[in-house]
Protein backbone atom coordinates (compact mmCIF):
# COMPACT_ATOMS: atom_id res chain seq x y z
CA MET A 1 67.96 103.96 113.87
CA THR A 2 68.53 103.58 117.61
CA ARG A 3 70.30 106.33 119.55
CA PRO A 4 73.62 104.40 120.03
CA LEU A 5 73.71 103.53 116.32
CA PHE A 6 72.95 107.15 115.39
CA LEU A 7 75.78 108.42 117.60
CA SER A 8 78.12 105.89 116.04
CA PHE A 9 77.09 107.10 112.57
CA LEU A 10 77.81 110.74 113.52
CA ILE A 11 81.22 109.79 114.92
CA LEU A 12 82.04 107.87 111.70
CA LEU A 13 80.83 110.73 109.51
CA SER A 14 82.91 113.21 111.50
CA SER A 15 86.03 111.09 111.12
CA VAL A 16 85.44 110.74 107.35
CA LEU A 17 84.98 114.49 106.91
CA SER A 18 88.05 115.27 108.99
CA ALA A 19 90.07 112.86 106.89
CA ARG A 20 89.12 114.64 103.65
CA SER A 21 91.85 116.99 102.48
CA ALA A 22 91.23 120.74 102.43
CA HIS A 23 92.72 123.14 99.89
CA VAL A 24 93.02 126.89 99.30
CA TRP A 25 94.05 128.47 96.01
CA VAL A 26 95.41 132.04 96.13
CA GLU A 27 96.29 134.10 93.04
CA ALA A 28 99.27 136.28 93.95
CA GLU A 29 98.09 139.16 91.75
CA SER A 30 94.91 139.34 93.85
CA PHE A 31 96.77 140.20 97.08
CA SER A 32 94.93 143.10 98.72
CA GLN A 33 98.15 144.89 99.68
CA LYS A 34 100.80 144.76 96.96
CA GLY A 35 103.47 146.59 98.95
CA GLY A 36 106.37 147.11 96.54
CA TRP A 37 105.43 144.16 94.33
CA ASN A 38 104.00 144.90 90.86
CA VAL A 39 101.44 143.03 88.77
CA ASP A 40 103.07 141.75 85.57
CA GLN A 41 100.56 140.59 82.95
CA GLN A 42 102.77 140.62 79.83
CA PHE A 43 103.25 136.87 79.61
CA THR A 44 99.79 135.53 80.41
CA PHE A 45 99.61 133.55 77.17
CA GLU A 46 103.03 132.00 77.84
CA MET A 47 102.79 131.01 81.50
CA GLY A 48 99.06 131.14 82.18
CA SER A 49 98.44 134.10 84.45
CA PRO A 50 99.52 137.55 85.60
CA TYR A 51 101.91 137.38 88.52
CA LEU A 52 103.57 139.55 91.16
CA ILE A 53 107.14 140.69 90.51
CA ALA A 54 109.51 142.23 93.07
CA HIS A 55 111.15 144.81 90.81
CA GLY A 56 113.44 146.62 93.23
CA MET A 57 116.52 147.07 91.01
CA GLY A 58 118.65 145.28 93.60
CA VAL A 59 116.91 146.66 96.70
CA PRO A 60 114.30 144.42 98.40
CA VAL A 61 110.78 145.80 97.96
CA PRO A 62 108.19 146.15 100.75
CA ASP A 63 106.08 143.08 101.58
CA ALA A 64 102.86 142.12 99.83
CA SER A 65 100.08 140.70 102.01
CA THR A 66 96.51 139.45 101.95
CA THR A 67 93.98 137.70 104.16
CA VAL A 68 93.30 134.03 103.38
CA ARG A 69 90.34 132.06 104.68
CA PHE A 70 91.09 128.39 105.28
CA PRO A 71 88.32 125.74 105.18
CA ARG A 72 89.20 124.74 108.72
CA LYS A 73 91.96 124.98 111.27
CA GLY A 74 94.77 122.53 110.83
CA THR A 75 98.11 121.65 109.33
CA TYR A 76 98.61 122.88 105.77
CA HIS A 77 101.41 122.41 103.27
CA ALA A 78 102.23 125.50 101.19
CA TYR A 79 103.29 125.37 97.55
CA VAL A 80 104.21 128.40 95.45
CA ARG A 81 104.37 128.63 91.68
CA THR A 82 107.49 130.61 90.82
CA TYR A 83 110.39 130.82 88.38
CA ASN A 84 114.17 131.08 88.61
CA TRP A 85 114.25 133.65 85.83
CA THR A 86 118.02 133.65 85.22
CA SER A 87 118.08 129.89 84.59
CA PRO A 88 118.26 130.16 80.76
CA TRP A 89 121.74 131.69 81.16
CA THR A 90 123.21 129.90 84.17
CA GLY A 91 122.71 126.68 86.07
CA LYS A 92 123.29 128.19 89.48
CA PRO A 93 120.62 129.48 91.88
CA GLY A 94 119.10 132.72 90.71
CA PRO A 95 118.72 136.16 92.30
CA GLY A 96 114.92 136.33 92.62
CA ARG A 97 114.65 134.88 96.14
CA PHE A 98 111.64 135.47 98.36
CA ALA A 99 109.89 133.88 101.34
CA VAL A 100 106.32 133.38 102.57
CA SER A 101 104.84 133.96 106.03
CA VAL A 102 101.50 132.71 107.33
CA GLY A 103 100.07 134.16 110.51
CA GLY A 104 103.36 135.89 111.31
CA LYS A 105 105.43 132.72 110.98
CA ARG A 106 107.91 132.54 108.12
CA LEU A 107 107.90 129.22 106.25
CA PRO A 108 111.33 127.56 106.16
CA ASN A 109 112.05 127.30 102.43
CA GLU A 110 113.19 130.23 100.32
CA LEU A 111 111.61 130.36 96.87
CA GLY A 112 112.29 131.58 93.34
CA SER A 113 115.99 130.73 93.02
CA GLN A 114 115.82 127.08 91.92
CA GLY A 115 114.67 125.20 88.81
CA ASP A 116 114.64 126.11 85.15
CA CYS A 117 110.97 126.77 84.38
CA TRP A 118 107.74 127.93 86.01
CA MET A 119 107.21 125.30 88.70
CA TRP A 120 105.64 124.52 92.06
CA GLN A 121 108.07 124.84 94.94
CA TYR A 122 107.42 123.64 98.48
CA ALA A 123 107.47 126.51 100.98
CA GLY A 124 106.83 124.48 104.11
CA GLN A 125 104.24 123.40 106.65
CA VAL A 126 102.10 125.71 108.75
CA GLU A 127 99.49 125.45 111.51
CA ALA A 128 96.68 127.70 110.24
CA GLU A 129 93.63 129.17 111.89
CA GLU A 130 90.48 129.66 109.82
CA GLU A 131 91.72 133.11 108.79
CA GLU A 132 95.35 134.11 108.41
CA THR A 133 97.48 136.86 106.93
CA VAL A 134 99.78 135.61 104.16
CA VAL A 135 102.83 137.72 103.35
CA LEU A 136 105.41 137.68 100.54
CA HIS A 137 108.89 138.83 101.63
CA ASP A 138 111.24 139.90 98.84
CA LEU A 139 114.83 139.07 99.77
CA THR A 140 116.87 140.61 96.93
CA GLY A 141 114.99 143.20 94.85
CA PHE A 142 115.97 141.29 91.70
CA ASP A 143 112.60 140.50 90.16
CA GLY A 144 111.47 137.51 92.18
CA ARG A 145 108.10 136.38 90.89
CA CYS A 146 105.09 134.67 92.42
CA ASP A 147 102.17 133.41 90.35
CA ALA A 148 99.98 131.56 92.87
CA LEU A 149 99.97 129.85 96.26
CA TRP A 150 98.38 126.50 97.08
CA PHE A 151 97.66 125.43 100.64
CA THR A 152 96.63 121.81 101.20
CA THR A 153 96.27 119.41 104.09
CA ASP A 154 97.45 116.65 101.73
CA LYS A 155 101.17 117.11 101.04
CA ASP A 156 100.95 114.93 97.93
CA ALA A 157 98.17 117.03 96.34
CA VAL A 158 100.44 119.25 94.25
CA PRO A 159 98.87 121.21 91.34
CA PRO A 160 99.92 120.06 87.86
CA ALA A 161 103.03 121.45 86.19
CA ASP A 162 101.75 121.03 82.61
CA ALA A 163 100.39 124.36 81.35
CA GLU A 164 97.16 123.01 79.86
CA LYS A 165 96.35 120.86 82.88
CA LEU A 166 97.21 123.74 85.19
CA ALA A 167 94.79 126.03 83.32
CA LEU A 168 91.97 123.55 83.98
CA PHE A 169 93.07 123.17 87.59
CA ARG A 170 93.23 126.94 88.04
CA GLY A 171 89.75 127.39 86.60
CA LYS A 172 88.33 124.73 88.92
CA HIS A 173 89.72 126.38 92.04
CA ASP A 174 89.30 130.01 90.98
CA ARG A 175 85.83 130.14 89.42
CA LYS A 176 84.58 133.56 88.31
CA THR A 177 81.15 134.56 87.07
CA VAL A 178 80.99 136.17 83.63
CA ARG A 179 79.41 139.59 83.22
CA THR A 180 78.15 140.48 79.71
CA VAL A 181 78.19 144.01 78.28
CA LYS A 182 77.17 145.28 74.82
CA TYR A 183 78.60 148.14 72.76
CA ASP A 184 78.57 149.52 69.23
CA PHE A 185 82.36 149.26 69.04
CA VAL A 186 84.96 147.53 71.22
CA VAL A 187 88.59 148.68 71.11
CA VAL A 188 91.24 146.41 72.62
CA GLY A 189 94.54 148.04 73.52
CA GLY A 190 95.01 151.33 75.37
CA GLY A 191 98.11 152.65 73.64
CA ILE A 192 98.08 155.75 71.45
CA ALA A 193 96.27 153.96 68.59
CA GLY A 194 93.55 152.60 70.88
CA ILE A 195 93.10 155.92 72.69
CA CYS A 196 92.57 157.76 69.40
CA ALA A 197 90.30 155.07 67.91
CA SER A 198 87.98 155.04 70.91
CA VAL A 199 87.72 158.82 71.33
CA SER A 200 87.29 159.39 67.59
CA ALA A 201 84.36 156.97 67.46
CA ALA A 202 82.86 158.25 70.71
CA ARG A 203 82.89 161.87 69.50
CA LEU A 204 80.94 160.73 66.45
CA GLY A 205 78.17 159.27 68.59
CA THR A 206 79.27 155.63 68.78
CA LYS A 207 79.00 153.76 72.08
CA VAL A 208 82.53 152.47 72.72
CA ALA A 209 84.35 150.23 75.20
CA LEU A 210 88.12 150.63 75.51
CA ILE A 211 89.97 147.68 77.09
CA ASN A 212 93.57 147.97 78.31
CA ASP A 213 95.60 145.31 80.08
CA ARG A 214 97.44 147.82 82.25
CA PRO A 215 96.07 150.37 84.76
CA ILE A 216 97.90 153.17 82.94
CA TRP A 217 96.95 154.44 79.48
CA GLY A 218 99.39 155.24 76.69
CA GLY A 219 101.23 152.00 76.00
CA CYS A 220 104.86 152.70 75.15
CA ASN A 221 104.25 156.43 75.72
CA SER A 222 103.35 155.86 79.38
CA SER A 223 105.51 156.17 82.49
CA GLU A 224 105.83 152.38 82.50
CA THR A 225 107.81 152.11 79.22
CA ARG A 226 108.80 155.76 78.51
CA VAL A 227 109.12 156.12 74.75
CA HIS A 228 108.39 159.55 73.34
CA LEU A 229 105.93 160.23 70.53
CA GLY A 230 107.31 160.31 67.00
CA GLY A 231 106.24 161.47 63.53
CA HIS A 232 104.37 164.43 62.05
CA ILE A 233 100.71 165.37 62.32
CA GLU A 234 98.83 167.96 60.23
CA MET A 235 99.89 166.43 56.91
CA LYS A 236 98.18 166.46 53.52
CA PRO A 237 95.83 165.17 52.18
CA TYR A 238 94.02 165.39 55.55
CA PRO A 239 95.85 168.00 57.66
CA ASN A 240 93.27 167.82 60.46
CA LEU A 241 94.13 164.19 61.21
CA GLY A 242 96.23 164.04 64.34
CA ASN A 243 94.87 167.21 65.91
CA MET A 244 93.52 165.19 68.83
CA ILE A 245 97.10 164.26 69.79
CA LYS A 246 97.60 167.91 70.74
CA GLU A 247 95.01 167.35 73.49
CA PHE A 248 96.92 164.62 75.34
CA GLY A 249 100.43 164.35 73.86
CA PRO A 250 103.25 165.05 76.33
CA LEU A 251 104.93 168.41 75.84
CA ARG A 252 108.47 167.15 76.46
CA MET A 253 110.55 164.82 74.34
CA GLY A 254 112.87 162.03 75.33
CA ASN A 255 113.13 158.30 75.92
CA ALA A 256 113.92 156.86 79.36
CA GLN A 257 113.15 160.10 81.18
CA PRO A 258 111.50 160.66 84.60
CA ALA A 259 107.89 159.51 84.84
CA GLU A 260 106.37 162.99 84.74
CA PHE A 261 107.64 163.52 81.18
CA TYR A 262 104.94 161.17 79.88
CA GLU A 263 101.94 162.93 81.48
CA ASP A 264 99.84 159.86 82.24
CA GLU A 265 97.14 161.95 83.88
CA LYS A 266 96.60 163.98 80.71
CA LYS A 267 95.80 160.82 78.76
CA ARG A 268 93.46 159.57 81.46
CA ALA A 269 91.62 162.93 81.55
CA PHE A 270 91.38 162.92 77.74
CA LEU A 271 89.59 159.58 77.86
CA GLU A 272 87.40 160.29 80.86
CA ALA A 273 86.08 163.47 79.24
CA GLU A 274 84.16 161.27 76.77
CA LYS A 275 82.08 159.64 79.51
CA GLU A 276 78.81 159.96 77.53
CA ASN A 277 79.89 157.48 74.83
CA LEU A 278 83.11 155.88 76.12
CA ASP A 279 83.43 153.31 78.91
CA LEU A 280 86.92 152.47 80.13
CA TYR A 281 88.12 149.04 81.21
CA PRO A 282 91.67 149.47 82.55
CA SER A 283 93.51 146.37 83.80
CA TYR A 284 91.44 143.94 81.72
CA ARG A 285 93.28 141.55 79.42
CA VAL A 286 91.53 139.84 76.50
CA TYR A 287 92.23 136.12 76.66
CA LYS A 288 89.54 134.52 74.48
CA VAL A 289 87.64 135.40 71.30
CA ASP A 290 84.40 133.85 70.10
CA CYS A 291 84.70 133.93 66.31
CA ARG A 292 82.49 131.91 63.99
CA LYS A 293 82.49 131.93 60.18
CA GLY A 294 84.85 134.89 60.08
CA ILE A 295 82.77 137.10 62.41
CA ILE A 296 83.77 137.94 65.97
CA ARG A 297 80.77 137.42 68.24
CA ALA A 298 82.42 138.34 71.54
CA VAL A 299 85.74 138.90 73.28
CA TYR A 300 86.39 137.84 76.87
CA ALA A 301 88.61 139.91 79.13
CA ARG A 302 89.85 139.06 82.64
CA HIS A 303 90.88 141.64 85.23
CA ILE A 304 94.61 141.28 85.87
CA GLU A 305 94.17 141.54 89.65
CA SER A 306 90.68 140.44 90.68
CA GLY A 307 90.20 137.83 87.94
CA GLU A 308 86.72 139.19 87.11
CA VAL A 309 85.65 138.16 83.60
CA VAL A 310 83.70 140.42 81.26
CA LYS A 311 82.21 139.29 77.94
CA PHE A 312 82.12 142.12 75.38
CA VAL A 313 79.51 141.77 72.64
CA SER A 314 79.61 144.11 69.67
CA PRO A 315 79.15 144.17 65.89
CA LEU A 316 82.63 145.80 65.54
CA TYR A 317 86.05 145.39 67.12
CA SER A 318 89.45 147.01 66.72
CA ASP A 319 92.70 145.25 67.57
CA CYS A 320 95.08 147.91 68.89
CA THR A 321 97.11 145.50 70.99
CA GLY A 322 100.38 145.69 69.08
CA ASP A 323 100.70 141.91 69.08
CA GLY A 324 97.53 141.43 67.04
CA THR A 325 96.14 139.45 69.96
CA VAL A 326 92.44 139.72 69.06
CA GLY A 327 93.10 138.90 65.43
CA TYR A 328 95.31 135.96 66.34
CA LEU A 329 92.72 134.50 68.71
CA ALA A 330 90.04 135.01 66.06
CA GLY A 331 92.03 133.23 63.36
CA ALA A 332 92.94 136.32 61.31
CA ASP A 333 95.56 136.01 58.60
CA PHE A 334 98.85 137.47 59.82
CA ALA A 335 102.55 137.69 59.03
CA MET A 336 105.59 137.74 61.28
CA GLY A 337 109.26 138.18 60.45
CA ARG A 338 110.80 139.34 57.18
CA GLU A 339 109.27 138.55 53.80
CA GLY A 340 111.51 137.17 51.07
CA ARG A 341 112.21 139.47 48.13
CA SER A 342 110.00 137.56 45.72
CA GLU A 343 106.88 137.78 47.90
CA TYR A 344 106.21 141.48 47.24
CA ASN A 345 109.21 142.32 44.99
CA GLU A 346 110.60 144.69 47.60
CA PRO A 347 114.14 145.72 46.61
CA SER A 348 115.43 145.89 50.18
CA ALA A 349 113.94 142.59 51.35
CA PRO A 350 116.30 139.66 51.95
CA GLU A 351 116.43 137.07 49.20
CA ASN A 352 114.85 134.52 51.52
CA GLY A 353 112.34 135.30 54.21
CA ASP A 354 113.19 134.64 57.85
CA LYS A 355 111.88 135.11 61.38
CA LEU A 356 113.99 138.16 62.25
CA THR A 357 112.00 140.99 63.81
CA MET A 358 112.85 144.26 65.42
CA GLY A 359 113.30 143.74 69.14
CA ALA A 360 112.04 144.95 72.50
CA SER A 361 113.77 147.54 74.66
CA VAL A 362 114.21 147.49 78.43
CA GLN A 363 115.14 151.13 78.99
CA TRP A 364 116.86 152.42 82.13
CA TYR A 365 118.72 155.28 83.72
CA SER A 366 120.92 155.95 86.75
CA GLU A 367 121.04 158.88 89.17
CA GLU A 368 123.92 160.65 90.86
CA GLY A 369 124.07 160.46 94.66
CA LYS A 370 126.02 162.41 97.25
CA GLU A 371 128.08 159.48 98.51
CA PRO A 372 129.26 156.07 97.27
CA CYS A 373 126.37 153.72 96.59
CA PRO A 374 127.02 149.95 96.44
CA PHE A 375 125.30 147.56 94.04
CA PRO A 376 125.12 143.79 94.61
CA LEU A 377 127.38 141.59 92.53
CA PHE A 378 125.14 140.30 89.74
CA GLU A 379 126.76 137.55 87.65
CA TYR A 380 124.34 135.03 86.18
CA GLY A 381 125.73 133.94 82.86
CA VAL A 382 126.28 137.20 80.95
CA ASP A 383 129.97 137.93 81.39
CA PHE A 384 131.40 141.39 80.85
CA ASN A 385 134.95 142.67 80.73
CA ASP A 386 136.56 146.07 80.25
CA GLN A 387 136.17 145.75 76.48
CA SER A 388 132.60 144.42 76.27
CA CYS A 389 130.94 146.45 79.04
CA GLN A 390 128.84 149.48 78.15
CA ARG A 391 130.33 152.52 79.89
CA VAL A 392 127.10 154.45 80.02
CA LYS A 393 124.77 155.91 82.64
CA MET A 394 121.50 155.22 80.87
CA GLY A 395 120.08 153.04 78.11
CA GLU A 396 117.25 153.88 75.73
CA TRP A 397 116.08 152.48 72.41
CA THR A 398 119.42 150.92 71.44
CA TRP A 399 119.16 148.47 74.37
CA GLU A 400 117.14 146.05 72.31
CA THR A 401 116.74 142.28 72.68
CA GLY A 402 115.01 139.31 71.08
CA MET A 403 115.41 140.05 67.37
CA ASN A 404 116.18 136.40 66.71
CA ARG A 405 113.38 135.06 68.94
CA ASP A 406 109.60 134.86 68.77
CA GLN A 407 108.34 138.17 70.18
CA CYS A 408 105.07 136.55 71.28
CA LYS A 409 105.87 133.01 72.41
CA GLU A 410 109.26 133.82 73.95
CA PHE A 411 108.56 137.29 75.24
CA GLU A 412 109.25 136.60 78.91
CA ARG A 413 112.73 135.31 78.04
CA ILE A 414 113.26 138.34 75.79
CA ARG A 415 112.26 140.78 78.53
CA ASP A 416 114.28 138.89 81.14
CA TYR A 417 117.39 139.04 78.98
CA GLY A 418 116.87 142.80 78.81
CA LEU A 419 116.82 142.93 82.61
CA MET A 420 119.81 140.56 82.79
CA VAL A 421 122.10 142.72 80.70
CA VAL A 422 121.13 145.94 82.49
CA TYR A 423 121.88 144.46 85.92
CA SER A 424 124.97 142.56 84.76
CA ASN A 425 126.50 145.56 83.04
CA TRP A 426 125.73 147.88 85.93
CA SER A 427 127.20 145.37 88.37
CA TYR A 428 130.37 145.23 86.30
CA LEU A 429 130.66 149.02 86.21
CA LYS A 430 130.14 149.22 89.96
CA ASN A 431 132.17 146.22 91.11
CA ARG A 432 134.67 145.08 88.47
CA LEU A 433 135.63 147.96 86.16
CA SER A 434 139.22 148.98 86.83
CA ASP A 435 138.57 152.73 86.72
CA ASN A 436 134.99 153.30 87.86
CA LYS A 437 135.15 156.59 89.81
CA GLU A 438 132.34 158.15 87.78
CA TYR A 439 129.99 155.29 88.76
CA GLN A 440 130.75 154.99 92.46
CA SER A 441 128.10 157.48 93.62
CA ARG A 442 125.49 156.54 91.06
CA LYS A 443 122.52 154.23 91.60
CA LEU A 444 119.89 152.80 89.27
CA GLY A 445 117.05 155.28 89.21
CA TRP A 446 114.66 153.41 86.92
CA VAL A 447 114.64 150.16 84.96
CA ALA A 448 111.57 149.23 82.91
CA TYR A 449 109.98 145.87 83.61
CA ILE A 450 107.28 146.53 80.99
CA ALA A 451 109.32 146.06 77.82
CA GLY A 452 108.80 148.29 74.78
CA LYS A 453 108.13 146.03 71.81
CA ARG A 454 108.50 147.14 68.18
CA GLU A 455 107.31 144.26 66.07
CA SER A 456 105.46 140.97 66.24
CA ARG A 457 102.31 139.91 64.36
CA ARG A 458 101.04 142.03 61.48
CA LEU A 459 97.41 141.35 60.61
CA LEU A 460 96.78 141.21 56.87
CA GLY A 461 94.14 143.37 55.23
CA ASP A 462 92.79 143.92 51.73
CA HIS A 463 95.95 145.92 51.02
CA VAL A 464 99.45 145.23 52.33
CA LEU A 465 101.66 148.32 52.43
CA THR A 466 105.04 147.57 50.84
CA GLU A 467 108.35 149.27 50.20
CA ASN A 468 107.25 149.78 46.59
CA ASP A 469 104.19 151.78 47.67
CA LEU A 470 106.45 154.08 49.66
CA GLN A 471 109.27 154.42 47.15
CA ASN A 472 106.99 154.84 44.13
CA GLU A 473 104.60 157.07 46.11
CA THR A 474 101.69 155.10 44.68
CA VAL A 475 98.40 157.00 45.03
CA TYR A 476 95.36 154.97 46.06
CA PRO A 477 91.75 156.15 46.13
CA ASP A 478 91.43 155.31 49.83
CA ALA A 479 94.50 157.27 50.95
CA SER A 480 94.04 158.08 54.64
CA PHE A 481 96.55 158.92 57.40
CA THR A 482 100.00 160.09 56.29
CA THR A 483 103.16 158.40 57.49
CA THR A 484 106.22 160.66 57.70
CA TRP A 485 108.94 158.61 59.42
CA SER A 486 111.77 157.12 57.40
CA ILE A 487 111.85 153.36 56.83
CA ASP A 488 113.47 152.83 60.21
CA LEU A 489 114.54 149.20 60.65
CA HIS A 490 116.65 147.76 63.45
CA TYR A 491 119.35 145.10 63.42
CA PRO A 492 121.82 143.67 65.95
CA ASP A 493 124.74 146.02 66.52
CA PRO A 494 127.81 144.40 64.84
CA GLN A 495 130.07 145.65 67.62
CA ASN A 496 127.81 144.00 70.20
CA SER A 497 127.76 140.84 68.07
CA ARG A 498 131.53 140.52 68.38
CA HIS A 499 131.26 140.13 72.13
CA PHE A 500 127.84 138.45 72.38
CA PRO A 501 127.22 136.53 69.12
CA GLY A 502 123.61 135.39 68.90
CA ASN A 503 122.84 137.09 72.21
CA GLU A 504 123.06 140.73 71.25
CA PHE A 505 121.38 143.34 73.40
CA LYS A 506 122.29 146.48 71.45
CA SER A 507 120.89 147.54 68.09
CA ILE A 508 121.59 149.81 65.18
CA CYS A 509 119.06 151.28 62.78
CA THR A 510 118.97 151.97 59.07
CA HIS A 511 116.85 154.74 57.58
CA GLY A 512 115.43 154.07 54.12
CA LYS A 513 114.22 157.20 52.39
CA ALA A 514 110.46 157.70 52.37
CA ASN A 515 108.63 160.90 51.59
CA PRO A 516 105.34 161.61 53.38
CA TYR A 517 102.90 158.96 52.19
CA ALA A 518 99.13 158.60 52.61
CA VAL A 519 98.46 154.95 53.55
CA PRO A 520 95.38 153.18 52.13
CA TYR A 521 92.43 152.68 54.46
CA ARG A 522 92.37 149.03 53.35
CA CYS A 523 95.44 148.41 55.56
CA LEU A 524 93.26 149.04 58.64
CA TYR A 525 90.89 146.06 58.59
CA SER A 526 91.31 142.30 58.41
CA ARG A 527 90.89 140.54 55.09
CA ASN A 528 89.29 137.43 56.59
CA ILE A 529 87.68 138.53 59.88
CA SER A 530 84.91 140.72 58.54
CA ASN A 531 84.21 142.90 61.60
CA LEU A 532 87.78 143.49 62.77
CA PHE A 533 89.68 146.77 62.41
CA MET A 534 93.30 147.19 63.48
CA ALA A 535 95.42 150.21 64.35
CA GLY A 536 99.00 150.37 65.62
CA ARG A 537 102.09 148.40 64.70
CA ASN A 538 99.90 145.37 63.88
CA ILE A 539 98.32 146.80 60.68
CA SER A 540 98.60 145.31 57.21
CA VAL A 541 102.18 146.08 56.18
CA THR A 542 105.32 144.16 55.31
CA HIS A 543 108.28 144.11 57.65
CA ILE A 544 109.83 146.92 55.61
CA GLY A 545 106.57 148.87 55.46
CA LEU A 546 106.36 148.66 59.25
CA GLY A 547 109.58 150.65 59.49
CA THR A 548 107.76 153.89 58.69
CA VAL A 549 104.25 153.51 60.18
CA ARG A 550 105.15 152.24 63.66
CA VAL A 551 105.90 155.51 65.48
CA MET A 552 103.16 156.66 67.81
CA ARG A 553 101.82 159.91 66.36
CA THR A 554 101.33 157.95 63.15
CA THR A 555 99.60 155.07 64.95
CA GLY A 556 97.39 157.66 66.67
CA MET A 557 96.21 158.92 63.29
CA MET A 558 95.49 155.31 62.26
CA GLY A 559 93.30 154.98 65.31
CA GLU A 560 91.51 158.23 64.51
CA VAL A 561 90.64 156.95 61.02
CA VAL A 562 89.49 153.59 62.40
CA GLY A 563 87.21 155.38 64.87
CA MET A 564 85.67 157.35 62.02
CA ALA A 565 85.16 154.24 59.91
CA ALA A 566 83.62 152.41 62.89
CA SER A 567 81.13 155.25 63.38
CA LEU A 568 80.09 154.91 59.72
CA CYS A 569 79.75 151.15 60.12
CA ALA A 570 77.47 151.72 63.10
CA ARG A 571 75.43 154.35 61.27
CA HIS A 572 74.94 152.21 58.16
CA ASN A 573 74.87 148.80 59.86
CA THR A 574 77.73 147.61 57.70
CA LEU A 575 81.24 146.19 57.93
CA PRO A 576 84.74 147.71 57.49
CA ARG A 577 85.25 146.49 53.92
CA ASN A 578 82.03 148.18 52.81
CA ILE A 579 83.28 151.57 53.95
CA TYR A 580 85.81 151.33 51.14
CA ALA A 581 83.30 149.89 48.69
CA THR A 582 80.31 152.15 49.26
CA HIS A 583 80.97 154.84 51.90
CA LEU A 584 84.46 156.10 51.03
CA GLU A 585 83.33 159.66 50.32
CA GLU A 586 81.75 159.87 53.77
CA LEU A 587 85.00 158.66 55.34
CA LYS A 588 86.94 161.28 53.37
CA SER A 589 84.59 163.97 54.64
CA LEU A 590 85.22 162.89 58.24
CA MET A 591 88.99 162.78 57.67
CA GLU A 592 88.88 166.32 56.28
CA LYS A 593 87.28 167.54 59.51
CA GLY A 594 89.34 165.42 61.88
CA ALA A 595 88.17 164.27 65.32
CA GLY A 596 90.31 166.64 67.37
CA LYS A 597 89.29 169.95 68.87
CA PRO A 598 89.85 172.68 66.25
CA GLY A 599 92.10 175.68 66.66
CA LEU A 600 94.70 174.20 69.01
CA PRO A 601 98.34 175.18 68.35
CA ASN A 602 100.67 172.37 67.37
CA ASN A 603 102.49 171.50 70.59
CA GLN A 604 103.95 168.31 69.10
CA LEU A 605 107.00 169.63 67.25
CA TYR A 606 109.61 167.26 68.69
CA ASN A 607 110.92 163.92 67.39
CA LEU A 608 109.39 164.48 63.97
CA GLY A 609 111.74 162.18 62.09
CA GLY A 610 111.46 161.44 58.40
CA ASN A 611 113.55 162.94 55.62
CA TRP A 612 113.27 166.49 56.86
CA PRO A 613 115.80 169.29 57.46
CA THR A 614 115.28 168.91 61.23
CA TYR A 615 115.66 165.12 61.09
CA LYS A 616 118.26 163.63 63.41
CA LYS A 617 119.51 160.15 62.59
CA SER A 618 118.23 158.34 65.60
CA GLY A 619 116.02 155.33 65.89
CA GLU A 620 112.92 154.48 67.88
């Protein structure tokens, strides 16, 4: 090729390359500086990803920022995936407004207040250098949310809206290598059940991984959700079960209390003390399960901020997620909703089964100030008046939503309705109530954005605990942990139904009588996924049976038993069902000893519940 022709070729090549569009994908949860924005991972299965939420309770939160490297200098068009979260209740623009800046220049379009679903919104055009600082500016404090940002030199190259297509698109532009780790036992879910299962097994010499999709341990008993522990420990036939709860259980009772009541650091220290046999994976969410012929081969977990993927390989797994996530992804048999009376012949069951579940609580409290404190007018489709408003200064377990909705597939809407009614009611008390002197100097001190869920999927085992087991006090050879709570079931509050029919946000509870009852071990493993244990509110019970076993000291004892059984499986190279068939006496011996440190005084004498002289008729 002659020199002039070669130069012409280079010029042509340069023009072709410059004409090619350039793109940058940015996950919002990966921002290096979160400011006042929080990572919300609760709805990953619904909308595809964790996201950042500006949860300021009506006060704009500090900016989030990160450094973005662009393929080249030039003009880029910015799109943001966001959601007008009040749209299910009103057609007007919503309160979750925010803006984006690139290189110190704010893009012209405000985001988060339009549309009726998760969608891509155009933020504007920017002249970018090869490296720029991108900033999210919250404008309201009312839970604006940002999933991802897409910068492109081609304005028409908008990512897909369809969830399945978007997942493929996201994977293409956000590739992560997979790291593989191997353990004797993998526990998924870092609530009280998962904490106890992992430590119990680790203390018995089993190499354990504990995966939790939040950075804080304790589940509903953490400072994020703030539900106190409930139920008795130290109960026959195995009074040493539950002793380990004395090592990390908070010393103070109460729902919706200040963060320090829940002693997050004590739980973290309890887990970290087992460093010889227990590895911790906080902020990893299981999203995929490799299960073939009824055996789980691996679970895949993705970090909720960095996106790092870890493949966990083990002969044994325990689902302590509450939602039965691992079991569901593996194809485990499960139930959800209320069984009809004929299914298990339970006297208190409805004649026909339905999808009603107990709901999720968004708890909150207010604080007294020294001078009047305004609150923005918040009116987005939930209308209060002097008769329907709740004249209260805090809300705990009775603020419960979503009983008539799917607690897995519709959970974001359920949580958002919980936020909606808190803000709407507080706005009414502050701005509309005719005599509101007692509220004028009060401000919202805390509102949960991590909702406390009571019921969803229940994974089915070789035994399903029913109302008849509890009422007849049926004795089984594999009796294990003892449940002591009453049959505590929740329903929409009839008074709330009068004002908000079909959209209730307050609950009542009924307490069916149940004496202390030792639950069969066979409720703690899956009947069709051979290497899967479960502990927590997802064990093998009916809707009515769940009413007694779901409080957290009881779920902790479930976890303790599961950890013991897993250690026997590892020792004998066997599966959960065979512990019942051939190693039950060994399990009983371990339950007699317990996995907790001996000799500790019982510091867990609050919120005992059950049919006891000290029992107060409250719900959980």
